[in-house]
Amino acid sequence: IKKSFSVKEEKIIDTYIDVINYLIIALIKIELKCE
């Protein structure tokens, strides 16, 4: 919306990477169940 693509040295790709990694972590946790 703001058309500004970075905040204090963090680029937007870093945010996408975080999202992807959190989703992969969530998938791992599902596979582990309660372990």
Full PDB file with SEQRES, HELIX, SHEET, SSBOND, CRYST1, ORIGX, SCALE, CONECT and MASTER records, all heavy atoms in Angstrom:
SEQRES   1 A   35  ILE LYS LYS SER PHE SER VAL LYS GLU GLU LYS ILE ILE          
SEQRES   2 A   35  ASP THR TYR ILE ASP VAL ILE ASN TYR LEU ILE ILE ALA          
SEQRES   3 A   35  LEU ILE LYS ILE GLU LEU LYS CYS GLU                          
HELIX    1 AA1 ILE A   12  LEU A   32  1                                  21    
SHEET    1 AA1 2 SER A   6  VAL A   7  0                                        
SHEET    2 AA1 2 GLU A  10  LYS A  11 -1                                        
CRYST1    1.000    1.000    1.000  90.00  90.00  90.00 P 1           1          
ORIGX1      1.000000  0.000000  0.000000        0.00000                         
ORIGX2      0.000000  1.000000  0.000000        0.00000                         
ORIGX3      0.000000  0.000000  1.000000        0.00000                         
SCALE1      1.000000  0.000000  0.000000        0.00000                         
SCALE2      0.000000  1.000000  0.000000        0.00000                         
SCALE3      0.000000  0.000000  1.000000        0.00000                         
ATOM      1  N   ILE A   1       0.835  -1.206   0.000  1.00  0.00           N  
ATOM      2  CA  ILE A   1       0.000   0.000   0.000  1.00  0.00           C  
ATOM      3  C   ILE A   1       0.869   1.255   0.000  1.00  0.00           C  
ATOM      4  O   ILE A   1       0.630   2.197  -0.752  1.00  0.00           O  
ATOM      5  CB  ILE A   1      -0.952   0.001   1.218  1.00  0.00           C  
ATOM      6  CG1 ILE A   1      -2.017  -1.095   1.051  1.00  0.00           C  
ATOM      7  CG2 ILE A   1      -1.612   1.371   1.400  1.00  0.00           C  
ATOM      8  CD1 ILE A   1      -2.822  -1.369   2.317  1.00  0.00           C  
ATOM      9  N   LYS A   2       1.901   1.270   0.827  1.00  0.00           N  
ATOM     10  CA  LYS A   2       2.764   2.443   0.962  1.00  0.00           C  
ATOM     11  C   LYS A   2       3.796   2.559  -0.148  1.00  0.00           C  
ATOM     12  O   LYS A   2       4.440   3.588  -0.282  1.00  0.00           O  
ATOM     13  CB  LYS A   2       3.476   2.410   2.314  1.00  0.00           C  
ATOM     14  CG  LYS A   2       2.529   2.574   3.480  1.00  0.00           C  
ATOM     15  CD  LYS A   2       3.268   2.476   4.785  1.00  0.00           C  
ATOM     16  CE  LYS A   2       2.280   2.574   5.936  1.00  0.00           C  
ATOM     17  NZ  LYS A   2       2.922   2.384   7.222  1.00  0.00           N  
ATOM     18  N   LYS A   3       4.008   1.484  -0.891  1.00  0.00           N  
ATOM     19  CA  LYS A   3       5.003   1.435  -1.963  1.00  0.00           C  
ATOM     20  C   LYS A   3       6.416   1.672  -1.450  1.00  0.00           C  
ATOM     21  O   LYS A   3       7.280   2.150  -2.154  1.00  0.00           O  
ATOM     22  CB  LYS A   3       4.681   2.444  -3.073  1.00  0.00           C  
ATOM     23  CG  LYS A   3       3.299   2.339  -3.658  1.00  0.00           C  
ATOM     24  CD  LYS A   3       3.161   1.104  -4.500  1.00  0.00           C  
ATOM     25  CE  LYS A   3       1.822   1.098  -5.201  1.00  0.00           C  
ATOM     26  NZ  LYS A   3       1.064  -0.078  -4.998  1.00  0.00           N  
ATOM     27  N   SER A   4       6.632   1.344  -0.204  1.00  0.00           N  
ATOM     28  CA  SER A   4       7.964   1.412   0.395  1.00  0.00           C  
ATOM     29  C   SER A   4       8.361  -0.017   0.699  1.00  0.00           C  
ATOM     30  O   SER A   4       7.641  -0.725   1.395  1.00  0.00           O  
ATOM     31  CB  SER A   4       7.906   2.237   1.678  1.00  0.00           C  
ATOM     32  OG  SER A   4       9.131   2.165   2.353  1.00  0.00           O  
ATOM     33  N   PHE A   5       9.514  -0.451   0.200  1.00  0.00           N  
ATOM     34  CA  PHE A   5       9.822  -1.865   0.214  1.00  0.00           C  
ATOM     35  C   PHE A   5      10.868  -2.314   1.221  1.00  0.00           C  
ATOM     36  O   PHE A   5      11.337  -3.424   1.178  1.00  0.00           O  
ATOM     37  CB  PHE A   5      10.219  -2.319  -1.184  1.00  0.00           C  
ATOM     38  CG  PHE A   5       9.127  -2.067  -2.176  1.00  0.00           C  
ATOM     39  CD1 PHE A   5       9.327  -1.226  -3.243  1.00  0.00           C  
ATOM     40  CD2 PHE A   5       7.889  -2.649  -2.016  1.00  0.00           C  
ATOM     41  CE1 PHE A   5       8.303  -0.990  -4.144  1.00  0.00           C  
ATOM     42  CE2 PHE A   5       6.865  -2.421  -2.913  1.00  0.00           C  
ATOM     43  CZ  PHE A   5       7.076  -1.583  -3.981  1.00  0.00           C  
ATOM     44  N   SER A   6      11.264  -1.476   2.121  1.00  0.00           N  
ATOM     45  CA  SER A   6      12.181  -1.940   3.165  1.00  0.00           C  
ATOM     46  C   SER A   6      12.005  -1.107   4.424  1.00  0.00           C  
ATOM     47  O   SER A   6      11.547   0.015   4.382  1.00  0.00           O  
ATOM     48  CB  SER A   6      13.634  -1.888   2.690  1.00  0.00           C  
ATOM     49  OG  SER A   6      14.031  -0.559   2.494  1.00  0.00           O  
ATOM     50  N   VAL A   7      12.371  -1.731   5.517  1.00  0.00           N  
ATOM     51  CA  VAL A   7      12.323  -1.061   6.809  1.00  0.00           C  
ATOM     52  C   VAL A   7      13.647  -1.331   7.490  1.00  0.00           C  
ATOM     53  O   VAL A   7      13.999  -2.490   7.732  1.00  0.00           O  
ATOM     54  CB  VAL A   7      11.168  -1.614   7.677  1.00  0.00           C  
ATOM     55  CG1 VAL A   7      11.154  -0.947   9.044  1.00  0.00           C  
ATOM     56  CG2 VAL A   7       9.829  -1.452   6.989  1.00  0.00           C  
ATOM     57  N   LYS A   8      14.391  -0.280   7.789  1.00  0.00           N  
ATOM     58  CA  LYS A   8      15.647  -0.432   8.530  1.00  0.00           C  
ATOM     59  C   LYS A   8      16.468  -1.634   8.078  1.00  0.00           C  
ATOM     60  O   LYS A   8      16.640  -2.589   8.825  1.00  0.00           O  
ATOM     61  CB  LYS A   8      15.371  -0.552  10.028  1.00  0.00           C  
ATOM     62  CG  LYS A   8      14.792   0.664  10.667  1.00  0.00           C  
ATOM     63  CD  LYS A   8      14.669   0.416  12.157  1.00  0.00           C  
ATOM     64  CE  LYS A   8      13.918   1.538  12.827  1.00  0.00           C  
ATOM     65  NZ  LYS A   8      13.686   1.247  14.230  1.00  0.00           N  
ATOM     66  N   GLU A   9      16.924  -1.620   6.886  1.00  0.00           N  
ATOM     67  CA  GLU A   9      17.809  -2.668   6.372  1.00  0.00           C  
ATOM     68  C   GLU A   9      17.123  -3.995   6.101  1.00  0.00           C  
ATOM     69  O   GLU A   9      17.726  -4.902   5.580  1.00  0.00           O  
ATOM     70  CB  GLU A   9      19.010  -2.905   7.311  1.00  0.00           C  
ATOM     71  CG  GLU A   9      19.824  -1.679   7.608  1.00  0.00           C  
ATOM     72  CD  GLU A   9      20.432  -1.053   6.358  1.00  0.00           C  
ATOM     73  OE1 GLU A   9      20.926  -1.770   5.492  1.00  0.00           O  
ATOM     74  OE2 GLU A   9      20.390   0.183   6.253  1.00  0.00           O  
ATOM     75  N   GLU A  10      15.872  -4.158   6.499  1.00  0.00           N  
ATOM     76  CA  GLU A  10      15.174  -5.411   6.201  1.00  0.00           C  
ATOM     77  C   GLU A  10      14.398  -5.228   4.910  1.00  0.00           C  
ATOM     78  O   GLU A  10      13.567  -4.340   4.788  1.00  0.00           O  
ATOM     79  CB  GLU A  10      14.215  -5.807   7.328  1.00  0.00           C  
ATOM     80  CG  GLU A  10      13.569  -7.137   7.073  1.00  0.00           C  
ATOM     81  CD  GLU A  10      12.642  -7.585   8.181  1.00  0.00           C  
ATOM     82  OE1 GLU A  10      12.704  -7.030   9.279  1.00  0.00           O  
ATOM     83  OE2 GLU A  10      11.845  -8.498   7.915  1.00  0.00           O  
ATOM     84  N   LYS A  11      14.683  -6.069   3.959  1.00  0.00           N  
ATOM     85  CA  LYS A  11      14.007  -5.994   2.671  1.00  0.00           C  
ATOM     86  C   LYS A  11      12.756  -6.854   2.708  1.00  0.00           C  
ATOM     87  O   LYS A  11      12.635  -7.764   3.521  1.00  0.00           O  
ATOM     88  CB  LYS A  11      14.955  -6.456   1.569  1.00  0.00           C  
ATOM     89  CG  LYS A  11      16.159  -5.554   1.449  1.00  0.00           C  
ATOM     90  CD  LYS A  11      17.099  -6.021   0.382  1.00  0.00           C  
ATOM     91  CE  LYS A  11      18.271  -5.045   0.361  1.00  0.00           C  
ATOM     92  NZ  LYS A  11      19.342  -5.494  -0.472  1.00  0.00           N  
ATOM     93  N   ILE A  12      11.863  -6.583   1.775  1.00  0.00           N  
ATOM     94  CA  ILE A  12      10.605  -7.321   1.752  1.00  0.00           C  
ATOM     95  C   ILE A  12      10.827  -8.812   1.507  1.00  0.00           C  
ATOM     96  O   ILE A  12      10.085  -9.642   2.019  1.00  0.00           O  
ATOM     97  CB  ILE A  12       9.610  -6.715   0.748  1.00  0.00           C  
ATOM     98  CG1 ILE A  12       8.219  -7.306   0.997  1.00  0.00           C  
ATOM     99  CG2 ILE A  12      10.075  -6.911  -0.671  1.00  0.00           C  
ATOM    100  CD1 ILE A  12       7.087  -6.505   0.482  1.00  0.00           C  
ATOM    101  N   ILE A  13      11.861  -9.153   0.771  1.00  0.00           N  
ATOM    102  CA  ILE A  13      12.134 -10.585   0.555  1.00  0.00           C  
ATOM    103  C   ILE A  13      12.379 -11.292   1.885  1.00  0.00           C  
ATOM    104  O   ILE A  13      12.014 -12.445   2.060  1.00  0.00           O  
ATOM    105  CB  ILE A  13      13.303 -10.816  -0.427  1.00  0.00           C  
ATOM    106  CG1 ILE A  13      13.367 -12.304  -0.803  1.00  0.00           C  
ATOM    107  CG2 ILE A  13      14.609 -10.324   0.133  1.00  0.00           C  
ATOM    108  CD1 ILE A  13      14.321 -12.643  -1.923  1.00  0.00           C  
ATOM    109  N   ASP A  14      12.959 -10.578   2.854  1.00  0.00           N  
ATOM    110  CA  ASP A  14      13.185 -11.166   4.182  1.00  0.00           C  
ATOM    111  C   ASP A  14      11.857 -11.514   4.848  1.00  0.00           C  
ATOM    112  O   ASP A  14      11.754 -12.523   5.550  1.00  0.00           O  
ATOM    113  CB  ASP A  14      13.983 -10.208   5.067  1.00  0.00           C  
ATOM    114  CG  ASP A  14      15.360  -9.904   4.503  1.00  0.00           C  
ATOM    115  OD1 ASP A  14      15.954 -10.797   3.865  1.00  0.00           O  
ATOM    116  OD2 ASP A  14      15.842  -8.769   4.699  1.00  0.00           O  
ATOM    117  N   THR A  15      10.854 -10.689   4.630  1.00  0.00           N  
ATOM    118  CA  THR A  15       9.538 -10.949   5.203  1.00  0.00           C  
ATOM    119  C   THR A  15       8.912 -12.179   4.540  1.00  0.00           C  
ATOM    120  O   THR A  15       8.334 -13.029   5.223  1.00  0.00           O  
ATOM    121  CB  THR A  15       8.628  -9.720   5.039  1.00  0.00           C  
ATOM    122  OG1 THR A  15       9.294  -8.584   5.609  1.00  0.00           O  
ATOM    123  CG2 THR A  15       7.297  -9.910   5.736  1.00  0.00           C  
ATOM    124  N   TYR A  16       9.040 -12.283   3.227  1.00  0.00           N  
ATOM    125  CA  TYR A  16       8.543 -13.476   2.540  1.00  0.00           C  
ATOM    126  C   TYR A  16       9.253 -14.728   3.028  1.00  0.00           C  
ATOM    127  O   TYR A  16       8.624 -15.761   3.247  1.00  0.00           O  
ATOM    128  CB  TYR A  16       8.727 -13.354   1.019  1.00  0.00           C  
ATOM    129  CG  TYR A  16       7.659 -12.539   0.351  1.00  0.00           C  
ATOM    130  CD1 TYR A  16       7.866 -11.191   0.073  1.00  0.00           C  
ATOM    131  CD2 TYR A  16       6.454 -13.105  -0.015  1.00  0.00           C  
ATOM    132  CE1 TYR A  16       6.885 -10.434  -0.557  1.00  0.00           C  
ATOM    133  CE2 TYR A  16       5.467 -12.365  -0.633  1.00  0.00           C  
ATOM    134  CZ  TYR A  16       5.695 -11.027  -0.903  1.00  0.00           C  
ATOM    135  OH  TYR A  16       4.720 -10.287  -1.512  1.00  0.00           O  
ATOM    136  N   ILE A  17      10.551 -14.643   3.200  1.00  0.00           N  
ATOM    137  CA  ILE A  17      11.326 -15.787   3.691  1.00  0.00           C  
ATOM    138  C   ILE A  17      10.835 -16.188   5.075  1.00  0.00           C  
ATOM    139  O   ILE A  17      10.666 -17.376   5.367  1.00  0.00           O  
ATOM    140  CB  ILE A  17      12.837 -15.469   3.684  1.00  0.00           C  
ATOM    141  CG1 ILE A  17      13.331 -15.434   2.239  1.00  0.00           C  
ATOM    142  CG2 ILE A  17      13.627 -16.470   4.523  1.00  0.00           C  
ATOM    143  CD1 ILE A  17      14.716 -14.858   2.063  1.00  0.00           C  
ATOM    144  N   ASP A  18      10.586 -15.204   5.930  1.00  0.00           N  
ATOM    145  CA  ASP A  18      10.049 -15.502   7.266  1.00  0.00           C  
ATOM    146  C   ASP A  18       8.714 -16.225   7.177  1.00  0.00           C  
ATOM    147  O   ASP A  18       8.471 -17.200   7.890  1.00  0.00           O  
ATOM    148  CB  ASP A  18       9.892 -14.221   8.089  1.00  0.00           C  
ATOM    149  CG  ASP A  18      11.206 -13.621   8.524  1.00  0.00           C  
ATOM    150  OD1 ASP A  18      12.249 -14.311   8.477  1.00  0.00           O  
ATOM    151  OD2 ASP A  18      11.199 -12.431   8.920  1.00  0.00           O  
ATOM    152  N   VAL A  19       7.826 -15.750   6.297  1.00  0.00           N  
ATOM    153  CA  VAL A  19       6.509 -16.374   6.138  1.00  0.00           C  
ATOM    154  C   VAL A  19       6.672 -17.817   5.676  1.00  0.00           C  
ATOM    155  O   VAL A  19       6.066 -18.738   6.249  1.00  0.00           O  
ATOM    156  CB  VAL A  19       5.625 -15.581   5.141  1.00  0.00           C  
ATOM    157  CG1 VAL A  19       4.371 -16.372   4.764  1.00  0.00           C  
ATOM    158  CG2 VAL A  19       5.251 -14.219   5.709  1.00  0.00           C  
ATOM    159  N   ILE A  20       7.486 -18.013   4.655  1.00  0.00           N  
ATOM    160  CA  ILE A  20       7.696 -19.372   4.131  1.00  0.00           C  
ATOM    161  C   ILE A  20       8.272 -20.272   5.218  1.00  0.00           C  
ATOM    162  O   ILE A  20       7.802 -21.395   5.424  1.00  0.00           O  
ATOM    163  CB  ILE A  20       8.592 -19.330   2.877  1.00  0.00           C  
ATOM    164  CG1 ILE A  20       7.829 -18.661   1.725  1.00  0.00           C  
ATOM    165  CG2 ILE A  20       9.058 -20.739   2.491  1.00  0.00           C  
ATOM    166  CD1 ILE A  20       8.704 -18.266   0.535  1.00  0.00           C  
ATOM    167  N   ASN A  21       9.265 -19.780   5.946  1.00  0.00           N  
ATOM    168  CA  ASN A  21       9.872 -20.609   6.993  1.00  0.00           C  
ATOM    169  C   ASN A  21       8.911 -20.895   8.141  1.00  0.00           C  
ATOM    170  O   ASN A  21       8.883 -22.016   8.659  1.00  0.00           O  
ATOM    171  CB  ASN A  21      11.172 -19.993   7.488  1.00  0.00           C  
ATOM    172  CG  ASN A  21      12.342 -20.347   6.593  1.00  0.00           C  
ATOM    173  OD1 ASN A  21      12.291 -21.314   5.841  1.00  0.00           O  
ATOM    174  ND2 ASN A  21      13.397 -19.574   6.660  1.00  0.00           N  
ATOM    175  N   TYR A  22       8.099 -19.923   8.527  1.00  0.00           N  
ATOM    176  CA  TYR A  22       7.102 -20.195   9.572  1.00  0.00           C  
ATOM    177  C   TYR A  22       6.107 -21.257   9.096  1.00  0.00           C  
ATOM    178  O   TYR A  22       5.701 -22.128   9.871  1.00  0.00           O  
ATOM    179  CB  TYR A  22       6.332 -18.926   9.963  1.00  0.00           C  
ATOM    180  CG  TYR A  22       6.998 -18.092  11.018  1.00  0.00           C  
ATOM    181  CD1 TYR A  22       7.311 -16.761  10.782  1.00  0.00           C  
ATOM    182  CD2 TYR A  22       7.294 -18.610  12.274  1.00  0.00           C  
ATOM    183  CE1 TYR A  22       7.913 -15.975  11.762  1.00  0.00           C  
ATOM    184  CE2 TYR A  22       7.897 -17.842  13.260  1.00  0.00           C  
ATOM    185  CZ  TYR A  22       8.200 -16.520  13.000  1.00  0.00           C  
ATOM    186  OH  TYR A  22       8.797 -15.752  13.964  1.00  0.00           O  
ATOM    187  N   LEU A  23       5.703 -21.185   7.834  1.00  0.00           N  
ATOM    188  CA  LEU A  23       4.772 -22.184   7.314  1.00  0.00           C  
ATOM    189  C   LEU A  23       5.420 -23.572   7.281  1.00  0.00           C  
ATOM    190  O   LEU A  23       4.767 -24.570   7.621  1.00  0.00           O  
ATOM    191  CB  LEU A  23       4.274 -21.780   5.924  1.00  0.00           C  
ATOM    192  CG  LEU A  23       3.240 -20.651   5.929  1.00  0.00           C  
ATOM    193  CD1 LEU A  23       3.121 -20.010   4.563  1.00  0.00           C  
ATOM    194  CD2 LEU A  23       1.892 -21.154   6.417  1.00  0.00           C  
ATOM    195  N   ILE A  24       6.682 -23.636   6.912  1.00  0.00           N  
ATOM    196  CA  ILE A  24       7.380 -24.926   6.910  1.00  0.00           C  
ATOM    197  C   ILE A  24       7.527 -25.443   8.338  1.00  0.00           C  
ATOM    198  O   ILE A  24       7.323 -26.629   8.599  1.00  0.00           O  
ATOM    199  CB  ILE A  24       8.745 -24.813   6.197  1.00  0.00           C  
ATOM    200  CG1 ILE A  24       8.530 -24.527   4.704  1.00  0.00           C  
ATOM    201  CG2 ILE A  24       9.556 -26.105   6.384  1.00  0.00           C  
ATOM    202  CD1 ILE A  24       9.787 -24.187   3.936  1.00  0.00           C  
ATOM    203  N   ILE A  25       7.839 -24.560   9.259  1.00  0.00           N  
ATOM    204  CA  ILE A  25       7.920 -24.959  10.675  1.00  0.00           C  
ATOM    205  C   ILE A  25       6.562 -25.495  11.140  1.00  0.00           C  
ATOM    206  O   ILE A  25       6.497 -26.515  11.839  1.00  0.00           O  
ATOM    207  CB  ILE A  25       8.401 -23.779  11.545  1.00  0.00           C  
ATOM    208  CG1 ILE A  25       9.912 -23.560  11.337  1.00  0.00           C  
ATOM    209  CG2 ILE A  25       8.064 -23.993  13.017  1.00  0.00           C  
ATOM    210  CD1 ILE A  25      10.442 -22.264  11.912  1.00  0.00           C  
ATOM    211  N   ALA A  26       5.489 -24.835  10.745  1.00  0.00           N  
ATOM    212  CA  ALA A  26       4.149 -25.303  11.124  1.00  0.00           C  
ATOM    213  C   ALA A  26       3.894 -26.702  10.555  1.00  0.00           C  
ATOM    214  O   ALA A  26       3.342 -27.568  11.250  1.00  0.00           O  
ATOM    215  CB  ALA A  26       3.097 -24.314  10.617  1.00  0.00           C  
ATOM    216  N   LEU A  27       4.321 -26.933   9.328  1.00  0.00           N  
ATOM    217  CA  LEU A  27       4.166 -28.262   8.725  1.00  0.00           C  
ATOM    218  C   LEU A  27       4.991 -29.312   9.459  1.00  0.00           C  
ATOM    219  O   LEU A  27       4.535 -30.439   9.661  1.00  0.00           O  
ATOM    220  CB  LEU A  27       4.566 -28.215   7.241  1.00  0.00           C  
ATOM    221  CG  LEU A  27       3.619 -27.441   6.329  1.00  0.00           C  
ATOM    222  CD1 LEU A  27       4.278 -27.196   4.972  1.00  0.00           C  
ATOM    223  CD2 LEU A  27       2.294 -28.161   6.171  1.00  0.00           C  
ATOM    224  N   ILE A  28       6.196 -28.936   9.857  1.00  0.00           N  
ATOM    225  CA  ILE A  28       7.043 -29.855  10.634  1.00  0.00           C  
ATOM    226  C   ILE A  28       6.373 -30.191  11.957  1.00  0.00           C  
ATOM    227  O   ILE A  28       6.321 -31.348  12.370  1.00  0.00           O  
ATOM    228  CB  ILE A  28       8.449 -29.255  10.859  1.00  0.00           C  
ATOM    229  CG1 ILE A  28       9.225 -29.188   9.541  1.00  0.00           C  
ATOM    230  CG2 ILE A  28       9.230 -30.072  11.902  1.00  0.00           C  
ATOM    231  CD1 ILE A  28      10.512 -28.386   9.618  1.00  0.00           C  
ATOM    232  N   LYS A  29       5.844 -29.176  12.627  1.00  0.00           N  
ATOM    233  CA  LYS A  29       5.203 -29.394  13.925  1.00  0.00           C  
ATOM    234  C   LYS A  29       3.991 -30.314  13.796  1.00  0.00           C  
ATOM    235  O   LYS A  29       3.744 -31.134  14.676  1.00  0.00           O  
ATOM    236  CB  LYS A  29       4.830 -28.063  14.564  1.00  0.00           C  
ATOM    237  CG  LYS A  29       6.047 -27.313  15.089  1.00  0.00           C  
ATOM    238  CD  LYS A  29       5.680 -26.063  15.820  1.00  0.00           C  
ATOM    239  CE  LYS A  29       4.904 -26.250  17.068  1.00  0.00           C  
ATOM    240  NZ  LYS A  29       5.485 -27.036  18.140  1.00  0.00           N  
ATOM    241  N   ILE A  30       3.264 -30.197  12.699  1.00  0.00           N  
ATOM    242  CA  ILE A  30       2.126 -31.099  12.483  1.00  0.00           C  
ATOM    243  C   ILE A  30       2.627 -32.526  12.350  1.00  0.00           C  
ATOM    244  O   ILE A  30       2.046 -33.457  12.920  1.00  0.00           O  
ATOM    245  CB  ILE A  30       1.310 -30.671  11.241  1.00  0.00           C  
ATOM    246  CG1 ILE A  30       0.560 -29.382  11.544  1.00  0.00           C  
ATOM    247  CG2 ILE A  30       0.341 -31.779  10.817  1.00  0.00           C  
ATOM    248  CD1 ILE A  30      -0.087 -28.744  10.340  1.00  0.00           C  
ATOM    249  N   GLU A  31       3.692 -32.700  11.597  1.00  0.00           N  
ATOM    250  CA  GLU A  31       4.235 -34.053  11.435  1.00  0.00           C  
ATOM    251  C   GLU A  31       4.722 -34.619  12.766  1.00  0.00           C  
ATOM    252  O   GLU A  31       4.578 -35.806  13.033  1.00  0.00           O  
ATOM    253  CB  GLU A  31       5.387 -34.044  10.417  1.00  0.00           C  
ATOM    254  CG  GLU A  31       5.870 -35.433  10.103  1.00  0.00           C  
ATOM    255  CD  GLU A  31       6.719 -35.520   8.862  1.00  0.00           C  
ATOM    256  OE1 GLU A  31       6.491 -34.746   7.912  1.00  0.00           O  
ATOM    257  OE2 GLU A  31       7.602 -36.387   8.837  1.00  0.00           O  
ATOM    258  N   LEU A  32       5.276 -33.753  13.606  1.00  0.00           N  
ATOM    259  CA  LEU A  32       5.761 -34.201  14.912  1.00  0.00           C  
ATOM    260  C   LEU A  32       4.630 -34.439  15.902  1.00  0.00           C  
ATOM    261  O   LEU A  32       4.839 -35.064  16.934  1.00  0.00           O  
ATOM    262  CB  LEU A  32       6.726 -33.170  15.499  1.00  0.00           C  
ATOM    263  CG  LEU A  32       8.054 -32.988  14.784  1.00  0.00           C  
ATOM    264  CD1 LEU A  32       8.812 -31.801  15.364  1.00  0.00           C  
ATOM    265  CD2 LEU A  32       8.885 -34.250  14.870  1.00  0.00           C  
ATOM    266  N   LYS A  33       3.451 -33.899  15.599  1.00  0.00           N  
ATOM    267  CA  LYS A  33       2.298 -33.910  16.493  1.00  0.00           C  
ATOM    268  C   LYS A  33       2.694 -33.286  17.832  1.00  0.00           C  
ATOM    269  O   LYS A  33       3.088 -32.147  17.873  1.00  0.00           O  
ATOM    270  CB  LYS A  33       1.732 -35.313  16.630  1.00  0.00           C  
ATOM    271  CG  LYS A  33       1.317 -35.899  15.296  1.00  0.00           C  
ATOM    272  CD  LYS A  33      -0.096 -36.271  15.260  1.00  0.00           C  
ATOM    273  CE  LYS A  33      -0.626 -36.860  14.019  1.00  0.00           C  
ATOM    274  NZ  LYS A  33      -0.034 -36.778  12.759  1.00  0.00           N  
ATOM    275  N   CYS A  34       2.648 -34.010  18.912  1.00  0.00           N  
ATOM    276  CA  CYS A  34       2.948 -33.431  20.233  1.00  0.00           C  
ATOM    277  C   CYS A  34       4.391 -33.676  20.666  1.00  0.00           C  
ATOM    278  O   CYS A  34       4.776 -33.275  21.757  1.00  0.00           O  
ATOM    279  CB  CYS A  34       1.995 -33.995  21.276  1.00  0.00           C  
ATOM    280  SG  CYS A  34       0.280 -33.572  20.952  1.00  0.00           S  
ATOM    281  N   GLU A  35       5.150 -34.337  19.833  1.00  0.00           N  
ATOM    282  CA  GLU A  35       6.532 -34.652  20.192  1.00  0.00           C  
ATOM    283  C   GLU A  35       7.353 -33.368  20.360  1.00  0.00           C  
ATOM    284  O   GLU A  35       7.356 -32.498  19.509  1.00  0.00           O  
ATOM    285  CB  GLU A  35       7.154 -35.511  19.084  1.00  0.00           C  
ATOM    286  CG  GLU A  35       8.467 -36.131  19.456  1.00  0.00           C  
ATOM    287  CD  GLU A  35       8.969 -37.039  18.332  1.00  0.00           C  
ATOM    288  OE1 GLU A  35       8.150 -37.756  17.745  1.00  0.00           O  
ATOM    289  OE2 GLU A  35      10.165 -36.992  18.074  1.00  0.00           O  
TER     290      GLU A  35                                                      
MASTER        0    0    0    1    2    0    0    6  289    1    0    3          
END                                                                             
